[in-house]
C-alpha cells in the first residue's frame, strides 16, 4: 500500500492526476484534514482510503504506517523526521520526501531549519540497522496555478501597478518549476525505485531566468506597458527594517527582500539523467497561469 501526505495540495493534486492518468492499480492511503476538499480523490476511480488526522501527532503517524510499503510525503518538510522514524518502526521499504532548494540559501531563516532536518536524515540513512530507503526531492520556486505563493503574486502586481521596483535591477537568477512537472516527477520517482532509491534530486525549471525577465514576460502576456525601477538591495533591506519597526515586528519582509538579491538557480541534470526529468519552459508555464488570471478577472 502507498501512503501519501499532501495529496490535496497544489503539487499533490498533480501527483494524483498522474496516478489517475497512469491507472495506478495499487491501494493508496491518503492523509487529509477535515477541511480538505477531497472531491478529486472521490472521483479518481483509484483504490483510495482517506484517513483524517494530524501529522503533528506521532501516535497517529505510527498508526497509519501499518501495512504500508512506500510513502510519498509531499506535505511540509518539518514532518519528515517523524514520518521516516515511523516508517522505519513499521518496516516500510521506501520513503520519498519532498523538501526544498531553500536549503541552499545563505540566509539563516531560509535554510537553517532545512539543513538541520536533512543532516538528521543523513544520520538515519547511515545507520546500519536502517532498512528503509530514503529519497529526497527538492523543488525550487513552485508555480503553475493561481493558488501558488510565488508567480500569482507577481502576476497580480504587474496587473495592478504601472511602475514596479525591482531589487538590483532584477538581475538575480531564479529557476521556477511548474507544479505539473513536479506531479510527473513524483510519479516517475515512485515507479522507478531501482534508479532513484536513496538519492537526492533538485527539481528545477527548464533553465535559469532573471527576475526582471520574469516580470517582462508577465507584462507581455498581460499586454501591459510596465515601467521597472531598479532599487539597490541595501535600500530595499533598509525599507523592510523600517516597516518591521513601525509594525512592531508584525510585518517582516527583511529576509524576503534579501533573497530577491540572491541567485536561486540549481541544476536538475541528475534528475534528467536518472529518470528522464524534462520540465517545461517558463514561457509556456507562465502563459498558462496568466491566462488563468485573466479568466478569473473576466
C-alpha atoms as a PDB file:
ATOM      1  CA  UNK A   1       0.000   0.000   0.000  1.00  0.00           C
ATOM      2  CA  UNK A   2       1.131   3.551  -0.803  1.00  0.00           C
ATOM      3  CA  UNK A   3       0.789   6.280   1.845  1.00  0.00           C
ATOM      4  CA  UNK A   4       0.522   9.882   0.596  1.00  0.00           C
ATOM      5  CA  UNK A   5       0.528  13.157   2.512  1.00  0.00           C
ATOM      6  CA  UNK A   6      -0.405  16.478   0.919  1.00  0.00           C
ATOM      7  CA  UNK A   7      -2.312  14.939  -1.990  1.00  0.00           C
ATOM      8  CA  UNK A   8      -5.000  17.659  -1.918  1.00  0.00           C
ATOM      9  CA  UNK A   9      -2.401  20.455  -2.063  1.00  0.00           C
ATOM     10  CA  UNK A  10      -1.004  22.273  -5.100  1.00  0.00           C
ATOM     11  CA  UNK A  11       1.620  19.772  -6.271  1.00  0.00           C
ATOM     12  CA  UNK A  12      -0.220  16.877  -4.633  1.00  0.00           C
ATOM     13  CA  UNK A  13      -3.153  17.326  -6.997  1.00  0.00           C
ATOM     14  CA  UNK A  14      -0.858  16.973  -9.996  1.00  0.00           C
ATOM     15  CA  UNK A  15       0.670  13.841  -8.487  1.00  0.00           C
ATOM     16  CA  UNK A  16      -2.857  12.479  -8.069  1.00  0.00           C
ATOM     17  CA  UNK A  17      -3.568  13.292 -11.705  1.00  0.00           C
ATOM     18  CA  UNK A  18      -0.504  11.253 -12.730  1.00  0.00           C
ATOM     19  CA  UNK A  19      -1.767   8.323 -10.658  1.00  0.00           C
ATOM     20  CA  UNK A  20      -5.093   8.617 -12.469  1.00  0.00           C
ATOM     21  CA  UNK A  21      -3.595   9.069 -15.945  1.00  0.00           C
ATOM     22  CA  UNK A  22      -1.369   6.038 -15.493  1.00  0.00           C
ATOM     23  CA  UNK A  23      -4.157   3.939 -13.941  1.00  0.00           C
ATOM     24  CA  UNK A  24      -2.225   3.189 -10.772  1.00  0.00           C
ATOM     25  CA  UNK A  25      -3.789  -0.040  -9.560  1.00  0.00           C
ATOM     26  CA  UNK A  26      -2.459  -0.367  -6.030  1.00  0.00           C
ATOM     27  CA  UNK A  27      -4.207   0.658  -2.805  1.00  0.00           C
ATOM     28  CA  UNK A  28      -3.480   4.217  -1.633  1.00  0.00           C
ATOM     29  CA  UNK A  29      -3.925   5.614   1.864  1.00  0.00           C
ATOM     30  CA  UNK A  30      -4.231   9.413   1.839  1.00  0.00           C
ATOM     31  CA  UNK A  31      -3.855  11.540   4.956  1.00  0.00           C
ATOM     32  CA  UNK A  32      -6.213  14.520   4.774  1.00  0.00           C
ATOM     33  CA  UNK A  33      -7.581  17.180   7.104  1.00  0.00           C
ATOM     34  CA  UNK A  34     -11.236  17.583   7.983  1.00  0.00           C
ATOM     35  CA  UNK A  35     -11.279  20.822   5.980  1.00  0.00           C
ATOM     36  CA  UNK A  36      -9.640  19.303   2.869  1.00  0.00           C
ATOM     37  CA  UNK A  37     -11.523  19.248  -0.427  1.00  0.00           C
ATOM     38  CA  UNK A  38     -11.382  15.541  -1.268  1.00  0.00           C
ATOM     39  CA  UNK A  39     -13.664  15.573  -4.297  1.00  0.00           C
ATOM     40  CA  UNK A  40     -10.769  14.726  -6.641  1.00  0.00           C
ATOM     41  CA  UNK A  41      -9.953  11.676  -4.532  1.00  0.00           C
ATOM     42  CA  UNK A  42     -13.558  10.534  -4.514  1.00  0.00           C
ATOM     43  CA  UNK A  43     -13.883  10.901  -8.282  1.00  0.00           C
ATOM     44  CA  UNK A  44     -10.488   9.397  -9.133  1.00  0.00           C
ATOM     45  CA  UNK A  45     -11.670   5.772  -9.534  1.00  0.00           C
ATOM     46  CA  UNK A  46      -8.491   4.712  -7.714  1.00  0.00           C
ATOM     47  CA  UNK A  47      -8.380   2.420  -4.682  1.00  0.00           C
ATOM     48  CA  UNK A  48      -8.115   5.224  -2.136  1.00  0.00           C
ATOM     49  CA  UNK A  49      -8.543   5.094   1.619  1.00  0.00           C
ATOM     50  CA  UNK A  50      -8.925   8.526   3.213  1.00  0.00           C
ATOM     51  CA  UNK A  51      -7.635   8.981   6.751  1.00  0.00           C
ATOM     52  CA  UNK A  52      -8.290  12.193   8.666  1.00  0.00           C
ATOM     53  CA  UNK A  53      -5.535  13.054  11.081  1.00  0.00           C
ATOM     54  CA  UNK A  54      -2.822  15.377  12.333  1.00  0.00           C
ATOM     55  CA  UNK A  55       0.797  14.909  11.258  1.00  0.00           C
ATOM     56  CA  UNK A  56       1.884  16.634  14.467  1.00  0.00           C
ATOM     57  CA  UNK A  57       0.626  13.566  16.350  1.00  0.00           C
ATOM     58  CA  UNK A  58       3.352  10.847  16.471  1.00  0.00           C
ATOM     59  CA  UNK A  59       0.840   8.172  17.536  1.00  0.00           C
ATOM     60  CA  UNK A  60      -1.322   8.930  14.509  1.00  0.00           C
ATOM     61  CA  UNK A  61       1.656   8.795  12.132  1.00  0.00           C
ATOM     62  CA  UNK A  62       2.738   5.456  13.575  1.00  0.00           C
ATOM     63  CA  UNK A  63      -0.774   4.024  13.259  1.00  0.00           C
ATOM     64  CA  UNK A  64      -1.235   4.983   9.575  1.00  0.00           C
ATOM     65  CA  UNK A  65       2.093   3.311   8.666  1.00  0.00           C
ATOM     66  CA  UNK A  66       0.627  -0.129   9.323  1.00  0.00           C
ATOM     67  CA  UNK A  67       0.674  -2.204   6.131  1.00  0.00           C
ATOM     68  CA  UNK A  68       2.483   0.486   4.114  1.00  0.00           C
ATOM     69  CA  UNK A  69       5.206  -0.373   1.562  1.00  0.00           C
ATOM     70  CA  UNK A  70       6.015   3.117   0.239  1.00  0.00           C
ATOM     71  CA  UNK A  71       5.450   6.704   1.401  1.00  0.00           C
ATOM     72  CA  UNK A  72       5.159   9.846  -0.719  1.00  0.00           C
ATOM     73  CA  UNK A  73       5.470  12.709   1.775  1.00  0.00           C
ATOM     74  CA  UNK A  74       4.540  15.932  -0.050  1.00  0.00           C
ATOM     75  CA  UNK A  75       3.182  17.952   2.857  1.00  0.00           C
ATOM     76  CA  UNK A  76       5.696  20.011   4.849  1.00  0.00           C
ATOM     77  CA  UNK A  77       9.391  19.194   5.323  1.00  0.00           C
ATOM     78  CA  UNK A  78       9.070  19.793   9.078  1.00  0.00           C
ATOM     79  CA  UNK A  79       7.243  16.463   9.471  1.00  0.00           C
ATOM     80  CA  UNK A  80       9.893  14.462   7.608  1.00  0.00           C
ATOM     81  CA  UNK A  81      11.796  13.158  10.640  1.00  0.00           C
ATOM     82  CA  UNK A  82       8.640  11.812  12.321  1.00  0.00           C
ATOM     83  CA  UNK A  83       7.488  10.290   9.021  1.00  0.00           C
ATOM     84  CA  UNK A  84      10.798   8.498   8.495  1.00  0.00           C
ATOM     85  CA  UNK A  85      11.085   7.270  12.079  1.00  0.00           C
ATOM     86  CA  UNK A  86       7.551   5.845  11.946  1.00  0.00           C
ATOM     87  CA  UNK A  87       8.316   4.246   8.579  1.00  0.00           C
ATOM     88  CA  UNK A  88      11.397   2.546   9.976  1.00  0.00           C
ATOM     89  CA  UNK A  89       9.488   1.246  13.003  1.00  0.00           C
ATOM     90  CA  UNK A  90       6.878  -0.243  10.673  1.00  0.00           C
ATOM     91  CA  UNK A  91       9.473  -1.686   8.268  1.00  0.00           C
ATOM     92  CA  UNK A  92       8.313   0.423   5.323  1.00  0.00           C
ATOM     93  CA  UNK A  93      10.505  -0.290   2.288  1.00  0.00           C
ATOM     94  CA  UNK A  94      10.898   3.243   0.919  1.00  0.00           C
ATOM     95  CA  UNK A  95      10.087   6.844   1.737  1.00  0.00           C
ATOM     96  CA  UNK A  96      10.089   9.717  -0.774  1.00  0.00           C
ATOM     97  CA  UNK A  97      10.317  13.143   0.857  1.00  0.00           C
ATOM     98  CA  UNK A  98       9.515  16.434  -0.873  1.00  0.00           C
ATOM     99  CA  UNK A  99      11.809  19.124   0.538  1.00  0.00           C
ATOM    100  CA  UNK A 100      13.088  22.385  -0.983  1.00  0.00           C
ATOM    101  CA  UNK A 101      16.073  24.044  -2.675  1.00  0.00           C
ATOM    102  CA  UNK A 102      15.674  26.686   0.040  1.00  0.00           C
ATOM    103  CA  UNK A 103      18.282  24.606   1.844  1.00  0.00           C
ATOM    104  CA  UNK A 104      20.923  26.297  -0.324  1.00  0.00           C
ATOM    105  CA  UNK A 105      20.108  29.858   0.797  1.00  0.00           C
ATOM    106  CA  UNK A 106      22.856  31.799   2.547  1.00  0.00           C
ATOM    107  CA  UNK A 107      20.282  33.408   4.808  1.00  0.00           C
ATOM    108  CA  UNK A 108      19.727  31.784   8.197  1.00  0.00           C
ATOM    109  CA  UNK A 109      15.945  31.748   8.463  1.00  0.00           C
ATOM    110  CA  UNK A 110      15.545  30.413   4.937  1.00  0.00           C
ATOM    111  CA  UNK A 111      17.888  27.473   5.269  1.00  0.00           C
ATOM    112  CA  UNK A 112      18.988  26.568   8.798  1.00  0.00           C
ATOM    113  CA  UNK A 113      15.893  24.546   9.676  1.00  0.00           C
ATOM    114  CA  UNK A 114      16.044  22.637   6.391  1.00  0.00           C
ATOM    115  CA  UNK A 115      19.742  21.855   6.859  1.00  0.00           C
ATOM    116  CA  UNK A 116      19.136  20.536  10.361  1.00  0.00           C
ATOM    117  CA  UNK A 117      16.377  18.209   9.131  1.00  0.00           C
ATOM    118  CA  UNK A 118      18.451  16.806   6.271  1.00  0.00           C
ATOM    119  CA  UNK A 119      21.503  16.358   8.497  1.00  0.00           C
ATOM    120  CA  UNK A 120      19.394  14.303  10.891  1.00  0.00           C
ATOM    121  CA  UNK A 121      18.023  12.286   7.977  1.00  0.00           C
ATOM    122  CA  UNK A 122      21.561  11.600   6.776  1.00  0.00           C
ATOM    123  CA  UNK A 123      22.395  10.129  10.184  1.00  0.00           C
ATOM    124  CA  UNK A 124      19.302   7.926   9.986  1.00  0.00           C
ATOM    125  CA  UNK A 125      20.194   6.775   6.459  1.00  0.00           C
ATOM    126  CA  UNK A 126      23.707   5.852   7.558  1.00  0.00           C
ATOM    127  CA  UNK A 127      22.504   3.757  10.492  1.00  0.00           C
ATOM    128  CA  UNK A 128      23.367   0.125   9.625  1.00  0.00           C
ATOM    129  CA  UNK A 129      20.039  -1.004  11.100  1.00  0.00           C
ATOM    130  CA  UNK A 130      18.003   1.270   8.820  1.00  0.00           C
ATOM    131  CA  UNK A 131      16.436  -0.860   6.066  1.00  0.00           C
ATOM    132  CA  UNK A 132      14.142   1.896   4.755  1.00  0.00           C
ATOM    133  CA  UNK A 133      15.250   3.622   1.552  1.00  0.00           C
ATOM    134  CA  UNK A 134      15.019   7.438   1.762  1.00  0.00           C
ATOM    135  CA  UNK A 135      14.779   9.569  -1.390  1.00  0.00           C
ATOM    136  CA  UNK A 136      14.701  13.374  -1.193  1.00  0.00           C
ATOM    137  CA  UNK A 137      13.218  15.640  -3.868  1.00  0.00           C
ATOM    138  CA  UNK A 138      13.979  19.362  -3.702  1.00  0.00           C
ATOM    139  CA  UNK A 139      11.708  21.542  -5.855  1.00  0.00           C
ATOM    140  CA  UNK A 140      12.720  25.148  -6.451  1.00  0.00           C
ATOM    141  CA  UNK A 141      10.187  28.024  -6.510  1.00  0.00           C
ATOM    142  CA  UNK A 142       6.861  26.339  -7.367  1.00  0.00           C
ATOM    143  CA  UNK A 143       4.320  27.979  -9.653  1.00  0.00           C
ATOM    144  CA  UNK A 144       1.656  26.970 -12.147  1.00  0.00           C
ATOM    145  CA  UNK A 145      -1.737  27.997 -10.779  1.00  0.00           C
ATOM    146  CA  UNK A 146      -3.294  30.987  -9.044  1.00  0.00           C
ATOM    147  CA  UNK A 147      -3.042  29.114  -5.737  1.00  0.00           C
ATOM    148  CA  UNK A 148       0.763  29.244  -5.782  1.00  0.00           C
ATOM    149  CA  UNK A 149       2.500  31.694  -3.471  1.00  0.00           C
ATOM    150  CA  UNK A 150       5.016  32.912  -5.996  1.00  0.00           C
ATOM    151  CA  UNK A 151       4.141  33.813  -9.574  1.00  0.00           C
ATOM    152  CA  UNK A 152       0.495  34.520  -8.737  1.00  0.00           C
ATOM    153  CA  UNK A 153       1.680  37.453  -6.604  1.00  0.00           C
ATOM    154  CA  UNK A 154       3.909  38.732  -9.406  1.00  0.00           C
ATOM    155  CA  UNK A 155       1.033  38.491 -11.883  1.00  0.00           C
ATOM    156  CA  UNK A 156      -1.313  40.472  -9.625  1.00  0.00           C
ATOM    157  CA  UNK A 157       1.390  43.072  -9.038  1.00  0.00           C
ATOM    158  CA  UNK A 158       2.076  43.615 -12.734  1.00  0.00           C
ATOM    159  CA  UNK A 159      -1.644  43.706 -13.491  1.00  0.00           C
ATOM    160  CA  UNK A 160      -2.296  46.427 -10.894  1.00  0.00           C
ATOM    161  CA  UNK A 161       0.813  48.620 -10.965  1.00  0.00           C
ATOM    162  CA  UNK A 162       2.243  50.732 -13.773  1.00  0.00           C
ATOM    163  CA  UNK A 163       5.589  51.178 -12.015  1.00  0.00           C
ATOM    164  CA  UNK A 164       7.304  48.288 -10.213  1.00  0.00           C
ATOM    165  CA  UNK A 165      10.525  48.462  -8.158  1.00  0.00           C
ATOM    166  CA  UNK A 166      12.959  45.567  -8.609  1.00  0.00           C
ATOM    167  CA  UNK A 167      15.920  44.775  -6.382  1.00  0.00           C
ATOM    168  CA  UNK A 168      19.297  45.344  -8.081  1.00  0.00           C
ATOM    169  CA  UNK A 169      17.646  45.741 -11.461  1.00  0.00           C
ATOM    170  CA  UNK A 170      16.108  42.280 -11.176  1.00  0.00           C
ATOM    171  CA  UNK A 171      19.358  40.643 -12.317  1.00  0.00           C
ATOM    172  CA  UNK A 172      19.254  37.811  -9.789  1.00  0.00           C
ATOM    173  CA  UNK A 173      18.574  34.371 -11.245  1.00  0.00           C
ATOM    174  CA  UNK A 174      15.684  32.127 -10.276  1.00  0.00           C
ATOM    175  CA  UNK A 175      14.540  28.820 -11.757  1.00  0.00           C
ATOM    176  CA  UNK A 176      10.801  28.358 -11.096  1.00  0.00           C
ATOM    177  CA  UNK A 177       9.360  24.877 -11.539  1.00  0.00           C
ATOM    178  CA  UNK A 178       5.816  24.203 -12.712  1.00  0.00           C
ATOM    179  CA  UNK A 179       3.656  22.078 -10.406  1.00  0.00           C
ATOM    180  CA  UNK A 180       2.648  19.955 -13.421  1.00  0.00           C
ATOM    181  CA  UNK A 181       6.274  18.905 -13.900  1.00  0.00           C
ATOM    182  CA  UNK A 182       6.566  18.071 -10.213  1.00  0.00           C
ATOM    183  CA  UNK A 183       3.496  15.829 -10.340  1.00  0.00           C
ATOM    184  CA  UNK A 184       5.088  13.882 -13.187  1.00  0.00           C
ATOM    185  CA  UNK A 185       8.442  13.721 -11.419  1.00  0.00           C
ATOM    186  CA  UNK A 186       6.913  12.449  -8.171  1.00  0.00           C
ATOM    187  CA  UNK A 187       5.128   9.685 -10.061  1.00  0.00           C
ATOM    188  CA  UNK A 188       8.203   8.722 -12.070  1.00  0.00           C
ATOM    189  CA  UNK A 189      10.365   8.517  -8.939  1.00  0.00           C
ATOM    190  CA  UNK A 190       7.710   6.374  -7.239  1.00  0.00           C
ATOM    191  CA  UNK A 191       7.662   3.969 -10.159  1.00  0.00           C
ATOM    192  CA  UNK A 192      11.471   3.879 -10.624  1.00  0.00           C
ATOM    193  CA  UNK A 193      12.871   2.525  -7.345  1.00  0.00           C
ATOM    194  CA  UNK A 194      15.925   0.900  -8.932  1.00  0.00           C
ATOM    195  CA  UNK A 195      17.072   4.205 -10.429  1.00  0.00           C
ATOM    196  CA  UNK A 196      16.087   6.579  -7.624  1.00  0.00           C
ATOM    197  CA  UNK A 197      16.099   4.845  -4.231  1.00  0.00           C
ATOM    198  CA  UNK A 198      18.341   6.594  -1.712  1.00  0.00           C
ATOM    199  CA  UNK A 199      19.151   9.533  -3.990  1.00  0.00           C
ATOM    200  CA  UNK A 200      18.582  13.267  -3.610  1.00  0.00           C
ATOM    201  CA  UNK A 201      17.397  15.351  -6.569  1.00  0.00           C
ATOM    202  CA  UNK A 202      16.959  19.054  -7.237  1.00  0.00           C
ATOM    203  CA  UNK A 203      13.804  19.593  -9.303  1.00  0.00           C
ATOM    204  CA  UNK A 204      14.000  22.973 -11.003  1.00  0.00           C
ATOM    205  CA  UNK A 205      12.590  24.691 -14.088  1.00  0.00           C
ATOM    206  CA  UNK A 206      13.948  24.261 -17.598  1.00  0.00           C
ATOM    207  CA  UNK A 207      16.599  26.978 -17.243  1.00  0.00           C
ATOM    208  CA  UNK A 208      17.606  29.912 -15.027  1.00  0.00           C
ATOM    209  CA  UNK A 209      15.904  33.238 -15.728  1.00  0.00           C
ATOM    210  CA  UNK A 210      16.484  36.753 -14.396  1.00  0.00           C
ATOM    211  CA  UNK A 211      13.756  38.175 -12.171  1.00  0.00           C
ATOM    212  CA  UNK A 212      13.439  41.198 -14.459  1.00  0.00           C
ATOM    213  CA  UNK A 213      12.799  38.863 -17.408  1.00  0.00           C
ATOM    214  CA  UNK A 214      10.106  37.099 -15.381  1.00  0.00           C
ATOM    215  CA  UNK A 215       8.354  40.436 -14.848  1.00  0.00           C
ATOM    216  CA  UNK A 216       8.745  41.380 -18.502  1.00  0.00           C
ATOM    217  CA  UNK A 217       7.231  38.083 -19.665  1.00  0.00           C
ATOM    218  CA  UNK A 218       4.280  38.549 -17.324  1.00  0.00           C
ATOM    219  CA  UNK A 219       3.847  42.123 -18.521  1.00  0.00           C
ATOM    220  CA  UNK A 220       3.892  40.934 -22.137  1.00  0.00           C
ATOM    221  CA  UNK A 221       1.300  38.218 -21.501  1.00  0.00           C
ATOM    222  CA  UNK A 222      -0.923  40.765 -19.729  1.00  0.00           C
ATOM    223  CA  UNK A 223      -0.411  43.243 -22.592  1.00  0.00           C
ATOM    224  CA  UNK A 224       0.833  45.878 -20.129  1.00  0.00           C
ATOM    225  CA  UNK A 225       3.374  48.685 -20.537  1.00  0.00           C
ATOM    226  CA  UNK A 226       5.133  48.319 -17.210  1.00  0.00           C
ATOM    227  CA  UNK A 227       7.977  50.536 -16.032  1.00  0.00           C
ATOM    228  CA  UNK A 228      10.600  48.846 -13.862  1.00  0.00           C
ATOM    229  CA  UNK A 229      12.762  50.867 -11.463  1.00  0.00           C
ATOM    230  CA  UNK A 230      15.935  49.400 -10.010  1.00  0.00           C
ATOM    231  CA  UNK A 231      16.229  49.616  -6.221  1.00  0.00           C
ATOM    232  CA  UNK A 232      19.580  48.871  -4.526  1.00  0.00           C
ATOM    233  CA  UNK A 233      19.437  45.841  -2.258  1.00  0.00           C
ATOM    234  CA  UNK A 234      20.688  47.926   0.686  1.00  0.00           C
ATOM    235  CA  UNK A 235      17.806  50.394   0.282  1.00  0.00           C
ATOM    236  CA  UNK A 236      15.266  47.591  -0.036  1.00  0.00           C
ATOM    237  CA  UNK A 237      16.535  45.960   3.151  1.00  0.00           C
ATOM    238  CA  UNK A 238      16.501  49.326   4.985  1.00  0.00           C
ATOM    239  CA  UNK A 239      12.877  49.917   3.974  1.00  0.00           C
ATOM    240  CA  UNK A 240      11.961  46.396   5.127  1.00  0.00           C
ATOM    241  CA  UNK A 241      13.614  47.076   8.510  1.00  0.00           C
ATOM    242  CA  UNK A 242      11.673  50.332   8.873  1.00  0.00           C
ATOM    243  CA  UNK A 243       8.423  48.533   8.041  1.00  0.00           C
ATOM    244  CA  UNK A 244       9.199  45.860  10.631  1.00  0.00           C
ATOM    245  CA  UNK A 245       9.896  48.539  13.256  1.00  0.00           C
ATOM    246  CA  UNK A 246       6.760  50.600  12.706  1.00  0.00           C
ATOM    247  CA  UNK A 247       4.583  47.461  12.730  1.00  0.00           C
ATOM    248  CA  UNK A 248       6.244  46.144  15.918  1.00  0.00           C
ATOM    249  CA  UNK A 249       7.538  43.123  14.031  1.00  0.00           C
ATOM    250  CA  UNK A 250       4.169  42.080  12.611  1.00  0.00           C
ATOM    251  CA  UNK A 251       5.362  42.636   9.037  1.00  0.00           C
ATOM    252  CA  UNK A 252       8.834  41.249   8.486  1.00  0.00           C
ATOM    253  CA  UNK A 253       9.973  41.167   4.857  1.00  0.00           C
ATOM    254  CA  UNK A 254      13.678  41.629   5.558  1.00  0.00           C
ATOM    255  CA  UNK A 255      14.865  38.199   4.537  1.00  0.00           C
ATOM    256  CA  UNK A 256      12.395  38.042   1.672  1.00  0.00           C
ATOM    257  CA  UNK A 257      13.919  41.227   0.261  1.00  0.00           C
ATOM    258  CA  UNK A 258      17.441  39.919   0.856  1.00  0.00           C
ATOM    259  CA  UNK A 259      16.638  36.778  -1.106  1.00  0.00           C
ATOM    260  CA  UNK A 260      15.488  38.881  -4.056  1.00  0.00           C
ATOM    261  CA  UNK A 261      19.165  39.743  -4.460  1.00  0.00           C
ATOM    262  CA  UNK A 262      20.273  36.118  -4.203  1.00  0.00           C
ATOM    263  CA  UNK A 263      20.718  33.771  -7.180  1.00  0.00           C
ATOM    264  CA  UNK A 264      18.389  30.777  -6.791  1.00  0.00           C
ATOM    265  CA  UNK A 265      19.161  28.579  -9.785  1.00  0.00           C
ATOM    266  CA  UNK A 266      20.210  24.939  -9.488  1.00  0.00           C
ATOM    267  CA  UNK A 267      20.956  22.158 -11.948  1.00  0.00           C
ATOM    268  CA  UNK A 268      18.485  19.305 -12.413  1.00  0.00           C
ATOM    269  CA  UNK A 269      20.914  17.256 -14.533  1.00  0.00           C
ATOM    270  CA  UNK A 270      20.962  14.406 -12.030  1.00  0.00           C
ATOM    271  CA  UNK A 271      17.184  14.030 -12.239  1.00  0.00           C
ATOM    272  CA  UNK A 272      17.288  14.240 -16.036  1.00  0.00           C
ATOM    273  CA  UNK A 273      19.967  11.565 -16.247  1.00  0.00           C
ATOM    274  CA  UNK A 274      18.463   9.209 -13.649  1.00  0.00           C
ATOM    275  CA  UNK A 275      14.782   9.264 -14.521  1.00  0.00           C
ATOM    276  CA  UNK A 276      14.255  11.448 -17.593  1.00  0.00           C
ATOM    277  CA  UNK A 277      13.138  14.656 -15.909  1.00  0.00           C
ATOM    278  CA  UNK A 278      12.441  17.317 -18.565  1.00  0.00           C
ATOM    279  CA  UNK A 279      10.444  20.331 -17.280  1.00  0.00           C
ATOM    280  CA  UNK A 280       8.517  22.734 -19.498  1.00  0.00           C
ATOM    281  CA  UNK A 281       9.812  26.180 -20.392  1.00  0.00           C
ATOM    282  CA  UNK A 282       8.958  29.074 -18.116  1.00  0.00           C
ATOM    283  CA  UNK A 283       7.436  30.887 -21.095  1.00  0.00           C
ATOM    284  CA  UNK A 284       4.894  28.101 -21.526  1.00  0.00           C
ATOM    285  CA  UNK A 285       4.179  27.730 -17.824  1.00  0.00           C
ATOM    286  CA  UNK A 286       3.676  31.421 -17.092  1.00  0.00           C
ATOM    287  CA  UNK A 287       1.386  31.773 -20.120  1.00  0.00           C
ATOM    288  CA  UNK A 288      -0.906  29.133 -18.611  1.00  0.00           C
ATOM    289  CA  UNK A 289      -1.018  30.926 -15.260  1.00  0.00           C
ATOM    290  CA  UNK A 290      -1.566  34.385 -16.756  1.00  0.00           C
ATOM    291  CA  UNK A 291      -4.469  33.016 -18.808  1.00  0.00           C
ATOM    292  CA  UNK A 292      -5.976  31.643 -15.574  1.00  0.00           C
ATOM    293  CA  UNK A 293      -5.629  35.088 -14.022  1.00  0.00           C
ATOM    294  CA  UNK A 294      -7.272  36.783 -16.980  1.00  0.00           C
ATOM    295  CA  UNK A 295     -10.088  34.260 -16.989  1.00  0.00           C
ATOM    296  CA  UNK A 296     -10.764  34.854 -13.305  1.00  0.00           C
ATOM    297  CA  UNK A 297     -10.675  38.613 -13.799  1.00  0.00           C
ATOM    298  CA  UNK A 298     -13.273  38.393 -16.569  1.00  0.00           C
END
